[in-house]
Amino acid sequence: MKYCSALYAVRSIEAAKAFYQQVLGQNIVLDHGTNVTFEGGFALQEGFAGLVGFPEDNVRWKPWNGELYFETEDLVADAARIRESGVELVHDVKEYPWGQRVFRFFDPDGNLIELGESMRSVGLRYLAQGMSDEEVAQRTQHPVELVRLWKSGQCS
């Protein structure tokens, strides 16, 4: 057995495709009409209840119990562009103790999305601020060897 994909139910596959492609910049790798798979392996399904065979009112929109997670190298610009699209925010950009800044919002169907800056970006930001490799490793909770790879450009 191997893991293949996360799938979220959507009301309109066309509206969902537009959001994920135009606002989040995601690329479709497989389009079956009412089921679409994107690069990275997540999928969206219109008509989920009927497909699975349970009542439509069993589908919970905006369930708050899972999220799709994306990373970026430019959180400030991407968060601004996403805000401008008019999405409902869960919270604006906030920073966690390990230094990563994240931004959470809902897609048009109420599915929770998190956009975080990559840990490489976090590490490079701290290095640019003058922190040593060891200080960056301690702050980001990542091995110093990985910090050095980030710094050398050998690891993304």
Protein backbone atom coordinates (compact mmCIF):
# COMPACT_ATOMS: atom_id res chain seq x y z
CA MET A 1 0.00 0.00 0.00
CA LYS A 2 1.26 3.49 -0.80
CA TYR A 3 -0.13 6.97 -0.32
CA CYS A 4 -1.25 8.61 -3.58
CA SER A 5 -3.23 11.80 -3.05
CA ALA A 6 -5.36 14.05 -0.88
CA LEU A 7 -8.76 14.84 -2.38
CA TYR A 8 -11.13 17.66 -1.48
CA ALA A 9 -14.80 17.87 -2.42
CA VAL A 10 -15.80 20.98 -4.37
CA ARG A 11 -19.17 22.35 -5.46
CA SER A 12 -18.02 23.46 -8.92
CA ILE A 13 -14.95 21.92 -10.50
CA GLU A 14 -14.71 24.80 -13.00
CA ALA A 15 -14.69 27.45 -10.24
CA ALA A 16 -12.21 25.39 -8.23
CA LYS A 17 -9.92 24.91 -11.23
CA ALA A 18 -9.96 28.65 -11.90
CA PHE A 19 -9.08 29.42 -8.26
CA TYR A 20 -6.25 26.90 -8.00
CA GLN A 21 -4.79 27.80 -11.39
CA GLN A 22 -5.27 31.57 -11.44
CA VAL A 23 -4.91 32.51 -7.77
CA LEU A 24 -2.56 29.80 -6.48
CA GLY A 25 -0.67 29.20 -9.73
CA GLN A 26 -1.14 25.41 -9.68
CA ASN A 27 -0.86 23.24 -12.77
CA ILE A 28 -3.27 20.48 -13.67
CA VAL A 29 -1.67 17.15 -14.53
CA LEU A 30 -4.86 15.12 -15.06
CA ASP A 31 -8.35 16.38 -15.83
CA HIS A 32 -11.23 13.90 -15.84
CA GLY A 33 -13.95 16.55 -15.96
CA THR A 34 -15.37 16.32 -12.45
CA ASN A 35 -12.06 15.09 -10.98
CA VAL A 36 -8.82 17.03 -11.39
CA THR A 37 -5.32 16.23 -10.13
CA PHE A 38 -2.69 18.94 -9.72
CA GLU A 39 1.10 18.83 -9.60
CA GLY A 40 2.09 17.82 -6.12
CA GLY A 41 -0.59 15.15 -6.04
CA PHE A 42 -3.69 16.78 -4.56
CA ALA A 43 -7.05 16.35 -6.29
CA LEU A 44 -10.47 17.99 -6.38
CA GLN A 45 -13.77 16.20 -6.95
CA GLU A 46 -17.15 17.64 -7.91
CA GLY A 47 -20.16 15.49 -6.97
CA PHE A 48 -18.27 13.70 -4.21
CA ALA A 49 -21.31 12.56 -2.23
CA GLY A 50 -22.95 10.92 -5.23
CA LEU A 51 -19.70 9.29 -6.27
CA VAL A 52 -19.15 7.79 -2.83
CA GLY A 53 -22.82 7.05 -2.29
CA PHE A 54 -23.91 9.10 0.70
CA PRO A 55 -26.40 11.96 1.07
CA GLU A 56 -25.25 15.37 -0.18
CA ASP A 57 -26.05 16.93 3.21
CA ASN A 58 -23.33 14.71 4.74
CA VAL A 59 -20.68 16.79 2.96
CA ARG A 60 -19.30 19.34 5.43
CA TRP A 61 -18.21 22.56 3.81
CA LYS A 62 -15.58 24.48 5.73
CA PRO A 63 -14.81 21.60 8.11
CA TRP A 64 -11.64 23.13 9.67
CA ASN A 65 -10.11 19.67 10.13
CA GLY A 66 -7.47 19.47 7.42
CA GLU A 67 -5.58 21.72 5.06
CA LEU A 68 -3.69 21.76 1.81
CA TYR A 69 -0.18 23.06 2.47
CA PHE A 70 1.81 25.04 -0.08
CA GLU A 71 5.25 26.65 0.20
CA THR A 72 6.67 29.74 -1.44
CA GLU A 73 9.95 31.57 -1.70
CA ASP A 74 8.14 34.96 -1.60
CA LEU A 75 5.42 34.86 1.05
CA VAL A 76 4.90 38.62 1.15
CA ALA A 77 4.12 38.93 -2.59
CA ASP A 78 2.07 35.73 -2.76
CA ALA A 79 0.02 36.60 0.34
CA ALA A 80 -0.71 40.06 -1.11
CA ARG A 81 -1.86 38.55 -4.42
CA ILE A 82 -4.06 35.99 -2.63
CA ARG A 83 -5.60 38.66 -0.37
CA GLU A 84 -6.42 40.72 -3.47
CA SER A 85 -8.37 37.77 -4.91
CA GLY A 86 -10.95 38.27 -2.17
CA VAL A 87 -10.54 34.94 -0.36
CA GLU A 88 -11.77 34.56 3.21
CA LEU A 89 -8.80 34.70 5.55
CA VAL A 90 -8.35 32.43 8.55
CA HIS A 91 -5.47 34.65 9.68
CA ASP A 92 -3.01 37.00 8.07
CA VAL A 93 0.72 36.28 7.96
CA LYS A 94 2.03 35.14 11.31
CA GLU A 95 5.38 33.78 12.45
CA TYR A 96 5.90 30.59 14.42
CA PRO A 97 8.64 30.00 17.03
CA TRP A 98 10.83 28.18 14.46
CA GLY A 99 10.76 31.33 12.31
CA GLN A 100 8.47 30.23 9.51
CA ARG A 101 5.83 32.72 8.43
CA VAL A 102 2.49 31.33 7.25
CA PHE A 103 -0.82 32.59 5.93
CA ARG A 104 -4.11 30.64 6.04
CA PHE A 105 -7.28 31.13 4.02
CA PHE A 106 -10.20 29.23 2.52
CA ASP A 107 -10.68 28.21 -1.09
CA PRO A 108 -14.11 28.99 -2.61
CA ASP A 109 -15.55 25.75 -1.13
CA GLY A 110 -14.29 26.37 2.40
CA ASN A 111 -11.29 24.04 2.20
CA LEU A 112 -8.49 25.30 4.41
CA ILE A 113 -5.27 26.32 2.65
CA GLU A 114 -1.95 27.15 4.29
CA LEU A 115 0.78 29.01 2.45
CA GLY A 116 4.10 29.00 4.26
CA GLU A 117 7.50 30.24 3.34
CA SER A 118 9.91 27.39 2.69
CA MET A 119 12.26 26.60 5.54
CA ARG A 120 15.10 27.32 3.12
CA SER A 121 13.74 30.88 2.79
CA VAL A 122 13.52 31.16 6.57
CA GLY A 123 17.12 30.02 6.96
CA LEU A 124 18.41 32.36 4.27
CA ARG A 125 16.50 35.26 5.84
CA TYR A 126 18.21 34.62 9.19
CA LEU A 127 21.63 34.21 7.55
CA ALA A 128 21.10 37.56 5.77
CA GLN A 129 20.32 39.11 9.17
CA GLY A 130 23.76 38.01 10.38
CA MET A 131 22.94 34.83 12.31
CA SER A 132 25.58 32.09 12.30
CA ASP A 133 24.87 28.67 10.78
CA GLU A 134 24.51 27.28 14.29
CA GLU A 135 22.11 30.02 15.39
CA VAL A 136 19.97 29.46 12.29
CA ALA A 137 19.93 25.71 12.94
CA GLN A 138 18.83 26.25 16.53
CA ARG A 139 16.14 28.80 15.62
CA THR A 140 14.70 26.81 12.68
CA GLN A 141 15.00 23.45 14.44
CA HIS A 142 16.87 22.05 11.43
CA PRO A 143 20.31 20.40 11.35
CA VAL A 144 23.26 22.72 10.84
CA GLU A 145 24.30 20.55 7.87
CA LEU A 146 21.02 21.43 6.14
CA VAL A 147 21.51 25.13 6.90
CA ARG A 148 24.91 24.92 5.19
CA LEU A 149 23.31 23.27 2.16
CA TRP A 150 20.72 26.07 1.99
CA LYS A 151 23.52 28.59 2.18
CA SER A 152 25.53 26.90 -0.58
CA GLY A 153 22.47 26.65 -2.84
CA GLN A 154 22.73 22.84 -3.00
CA CYS A 155 19.35 22.24 -1.35
CA SER A 156 15.98 23.86 -1.90
